[in-house]
Amino acid sequence: MKEFLLVFRADYKSIPKTSPEQMQANTQKWMNWIASIAAQNKLSDKGNRLEASGQVLKSGGILSDGPYTEIKESIMGYTLINADSLEEATNLCKECPILVFGGSVEIREISTL
């Protein structure tokens, strides 16, 4: 079995503002999706959500105030899963809640070298 990194991307500005109840319902969708992967014994690490703030250190000691200043779509979080192939990993992502908001899931196999 191979391990895959799922990187969740979306534009923070395009995510609609929601009520606390809607936010809780969305969180429940994420929990259910992750639980469905875990139930198949495919979850390696549930990962975490990433905060909107941060810094980027570039070569030459150049520091920018946020990781999202140069790109529209931001990395919002990550998860590690196990799958037999890229196709299987992709199929596990088709119900990812971020897709509802126009976001995307980057699916990358982790090299064992």
Protein backbone atom coordinates (compact mmCIF):
# COMPACT_ATOMS: atom_id res chain seq x y z
CA MET A 1 0.00 0.00 0.00
CA LYS A 2 1.20 3.51 -0.84
CA GLU A 3 0.84 6.67 1.23
CA PHE A 4 -0.62 9.84 -0.27
CA LEU A 5 -0.67 13.43 0.91
CA LEU A 6 -3.92 15.29 0.32
CA VAL A 7 -3.50 19.06 0.21
CA PHE A 8 -6.73 21.02 0.51
CA ARG A 9 -6.77 24.34 -1.35
CA ALA A 10 -9.37 27.09 -1.58
CA ASP A 11 -9.62 30.84 -1.83
CA TYR A 12 -10.29 32.09 1.70
CA LYS A 13 -12.08 35.13 0.28
CA SER A 14 -14.52 33.06 -1.79
CA ILE A 15 -15.69 30.85 1.07
CA PRO A 16 -19.13 32.09 2.06
CA LYS A 17 -19.60 33.43 5.58
CA THR A 18 -21.73 30.98 7.53
CA SER A 19 -23.69 30.93 10.74
CA PRO A 20 -22.35 28.91 13.69
CA GLU A 21 -24.89 26.20 12.87
CA GLN A 22 -23.77 26.02 9.24
CA MET A 23 -20.14 25.97 10.35
CA GLN A 24 -20.91 23.06 12.68
CA ALA A 25 -22.72 21.22 9.87
CA ASN A 26 -19.73 21.71 7.57
CA THR A 27 -17.36 20.48 10.28
CA GLN A 28 -19.58 17.40 10.65
CA LYS A 29 -19.31 16.76 6.89
CA TRP A 30 -15.50 16.82 7.18
CA MET A 31 -15.61 14.49 10.20
CA ASN A 32 -17.91 12.08 8.35
CA TRP A 33 -15.69 12.11 5.26
CA ILE A 34 -12.55 11.43 7.30
CA ALA A 35 -14.41 8.73 9.26
CA SER A 36 -15.43 7.03 6.00
CA ILE A 37 -11.78 6.83 4.96
CA ALA A 38 -10.79 5.56 8.42
CA ALA A 39 -13.54 2.92 8.27
CA GLN A 40 -11.85 1.55 5.15
CA ASN A 41 -8.54 1.41 7.06
CA LYS A 42 -7.11 3.96 4.61
CA LEU A 43 -6.42 6.86 7.00
CA SER A 44 -2.77 7.31 7.88
CA ASP A 45 -3.00 10.72 9.62
CA LYS A 46 -6.10 12.91 9.79
CA GLY A 47 -3.87 15.96 9.42
CA ASN A 48 -4.99 19.43 10.44
CA ARG A 49 -6.44 22.66 9.22
CA LEU A 50 -3.89 25.38 8.61
CA GLU A 51 -4.31 28.95 9.80
CA ALA A 52 -4.60 31.76 7.25
CA SER A 53 -1.57 33.58 8.66
CA GLY A 54 2.07 32.60 8.46
CA GLN A 55 5.35 33.45 6.79
CA VAL A 56 7.35 32.21 3.85
CA LEU A 57 11.15 32.13 4.00
CA LYS A 58 12.74 32.11 0.57
CA SER A 59 16.31 31.63 -0.55
CA GLY A 60 18.52 34.62 0.14
CA GLY A 61 16.80 35.19 3.48
CA ILE A 62 13.78 36.88 1.89
CA LEU A 63 10.79 36.71 4.22
CA SER A 64 7.21 37.49 3.19
CA ASP A 65 4.43 38.20 5.66
CA GLY A 66 2.04 35.53 4.50
CA PRO A 67 2.08 32.35 2.53
CA TYR A 68 -0.87 33.54 0.46
CA THR A 69 0.24 36.90 -0.88
CA GLU A 70 1.33 35.60 -4.29
CA ILE A 71 -1.43 33.08 -4.93
CA LYS A 72 -5.20 33.26 -5.00
CA GLU A 73 -5.79 29.71 -3.80
CA SER A 74 -4.48 28.96 -0.31
CA ILE A 75 -3.48 25.71 1.33
CA MET A 76 -6.09 25.19 4.01
CA GLY A 77 -5.04 21.83 5.42
CA TYR A 78 -3.77 18.34 4.74
CA THR A 79 -4.43 14.66 5.40
CA LEU A 80 -2.41 11.48 4.84
CA ILE A 81 -4.14 8.41 3.43
CA ASN A 82 -3.15 4.93 2.28
CA ALA A 83 -4.25 3.59 -1.08
CA ASP A 84 -3.11 0.98 -3.56
CA SER A 85 -2.90 3.49 -6.42
CA LEU A 86 -3.31 7.13 -7.40
CA GLU A 87 -6.68 6.20 -8.92
CA GLU A 88 -7.91 4.76 -5.61
CA ALA A 89 -6.63 7.81 -3.70
CA THR A 90 -8.45 10.08 -6.16
CA ASN A 91 -11.67 8.13 -5.74
CA LEU A 92 -11.44 8.54 -1.96
CA CYS A 93 -11.31 12.32 -2.50
CA LYS A 94 -14.37 12.66 -4.68
CA GLU A 95 -16.64 13.32 -1.67
CA CYS A 96 -14.28 15.80 -0.01
CA PRO A 97 -16.31 18.71 1.44
CA ILE A 98 -13.87 21.34 0.13
CA LEU A 99 -15.09 20.64 -3.40
CA VAL A 100 -18.49 22.15 -2.46
CA PHE A 101 -16.82 25.55 -1.96
CA GLY A 102 -14.97 25.44 -5.28
CA GLY A 103 -11.78 24.25 -3.60
CA SER A 104 -9.50 21.48 -4.74
CA VAL A 105 -7.64 18.47 -3.40
CA GLU A 106 -4.05 17.95 -4.53
CA ILE A 107 -3.21 14.23 -4.33
CA ARG A 108 0.49 13.39 -4.11
CA GLU A 109 2.13 10.03 -3.55
CA ILE A 110 4.78 10.16 -0.83
CA SER A 111 8.11 8.81 -2.01
CA THR A 112 9.73 6.15 0.13
CA LEU A 113 13.25 6.93 -1.14
